[in-house]
């Protein structure tokens, strides 16, 4: 448990020191999506690639859901996507 907490703290510190433009995928975002009640099963819930890498992120590797989050993030000038915003993604329940 301590290792997990240390990893999360280290990730938070690194993201504050080395901000990256645009959206970037992390395992934590996937966990947050699951906790928010979405049917996310893997990274392709928001991305078109199986294992996105933040080093070579391209907005065209996002599906409609990911582009929705990226647009929201840019409009609100957030440093990371607001996973709770997935509840506002247009479409029926199968789209959420």
Protein backbone atom coordinates (compact mmCIF):
# COMPACT_ATOMS: atom_id res chain seq x y z
CA UNK A 1 0.00 0.00 0.00
CA UNK A 2 2.84 2.39 0.81
CA UNK A 3 4.35 1.78 -2.64
CA UNK A 4 1.06 2.71 -4.31
CA UNK A 5 0.75 5.89 -2.25
CA UNK A 6 4.36 6.85 -2.96
CA UNK A 7 3.77 6.26 -6.67
CA UNK A 8 0.68 8.45 -6.66
CA UNK A 9 2.49 11.22 -4.78
CA UNK A 10 5.45 11.00 -7.16
CA UNK A 11 3.12 11.17 -10.17
CA UNK A 12 1.37 14.21 -8.76
CA UNK A 13 4.65 15.98 -8.09
CA UNK A 14 6.03 15.17 -11.52
CA UNK A 15 2.87 16.37 -13.24
CA UNK A 16 3.14 19.67 -11.36
CA UNK A 17 6.82 20.09 -12.26
CA UNK A 18 6.57 18.87 -15.87
CA UNK A 19 3.14 19.87 -17.20
CA UNK A 20 2.31 18.47 -20.61
CA UNK A 21 0.16 20.29 -23.13
CA UNK A 22 -2.99 18.49 -24.11
CA UNK A 23 -4.55 15.40 -22.63
CA UNK A 24 -2.49 12.51 -21.39
CA UNK A 25 -3.49 9.10 -20.28
CA UNK A 26 -2.60 7.67 -16.91
CA UNK A 27 -3.74 4.54 -15.14
CA UNK A 28 -5.24 6.85 -12.51
CA UNK A 29 -7.62 8.38 -15.07
CA UNK A 30 -8.83 4.89 -15.94
CA UNK A 31 -9.39 4.12 -12.24
CA UNK A 32 -11.29 7.39 -11.83
CA UNK A 33 -13.46 6.56 -14.85
CA UNK A 34 -14.35 3.18 -13.31
CA UNK A 35 -15.14 4.83 -9.95
CA UNK A 36 -17.39 7.33 -11.75
CA UNK A 37 -19.53 4.39 -12.86
CA UNK A 38 -18.55 4.32 -16.53
CA UNK A 39 -18.34 1.00 -18.39
CA UNK A 40 -14.63 1.61 -19.18
CA UNK A 41 -12.80 -1.69 -19.67
CA UNK A 42 -9.48 -0.36 -21.01
CA UNK A 43 -7.76 2.75 -22.40
CA UNK A 44 -9.80 2.53 -25.59
CA UNK A 45 -12.75 3.93 -23.68
CA UNK A 46 -11.30 7.36 -24.63
CA UNK A 47 -8.41 6.49 -26.97
CA UNK A 48 -8.21 4.73 -30.33
CA UNK A 49 -4.92 3.04 -29.48
CA UNK A 50 -4.62 0.16 -27.04
CA UNK A 51 -1.77 1.56 -24.95
CA UNK A 52 -1.44 5.35 -25.41
CA UNK A 53 1.90 6.90 -24.49
CA UNK A 54 2.03 10.43 -23.15
CA UNK A 55 5.43 10.97 -24.80
CA UNK A 56 3.95 10.85 -28.30
CA UNK A 57 0.33 11.84 -27.63
CA UNK A 58 -1.64 12.99 -30.66
CA UNK A 59 -5.19 14.35 -30.34
CA UNK A 60 -6.22 12.30 -33.40
CA UNK A 61 -5.62 9.16 -31.26
CA UNK A 62 -8.69 10.06 -29.21
CA UNK A 63 -12.15 8.70 -29.98
CA UNK A 64 -15.24 10.93 -29.70
CA UNK A 65 -15.36 10.49 -25.92
CA UNK A 66 -11.70 11.43 -25.55
CA UNK A 67 -12.11 14.44 -27.84
CA UNK A 68 -15.09 15.53 -25.73
CA UNK A 69 -12.90 15.45 -22.60
CA UNK A 70 -10.02 17.22 -24.37
CA UNK A 71 -12.30 20.02 -25.57
CA UNK A 72 -13.74 20.44 -22.07
CA UNK A 73 -10.24 20.46 -20.58
CA UNK A 74 -9.08 23.15 -23.01
CA UNK A 75 -12.19 25.31 -22.57
CA UNK A 76 -11.89 25.20 -18.78
CA UNK A 77 -8.07 25.50 -18.90
CA UNK A 78 -7.60 22.35 -16.82
CA UNK A 79 -4.27 20.51 -16.57
CA UNK A 80 -5.94 17.09 -16.69
CA UNK A 81 -9.30 15.81 -17.94
CA UNK A 82 -12.27 16.04 -15.57
CA UNK A 83 -13.45 12.43 -15.53
CA UNK A 84 -16.77 13.43 -13.94
CA UNK A 85 -17.50 15.25 -17.20
CA UNK A 86 -17.95 11.83 -18.86
CA UNK A 87 -21.46 11.86 -17.40
CA UNK A 88 -22.23 14.79 -19.73
CA UNK A 89 -21.01 13.02 -22.87
CA UNK A 90 -23.86 13.20 -25.41
CA UNK A 91 -25.61 10.04 -26.46
CA UNK A 92 -27.65 7.30 -24.89
CA UNK A 93 -26.67 5.10 -21.97
CA UNK A 94 -24.63 2.88 -24.30
CA UNK A 95 -22.53 5.94 -25.17
CA UNK A 96 -21.68 6.79 -21.56
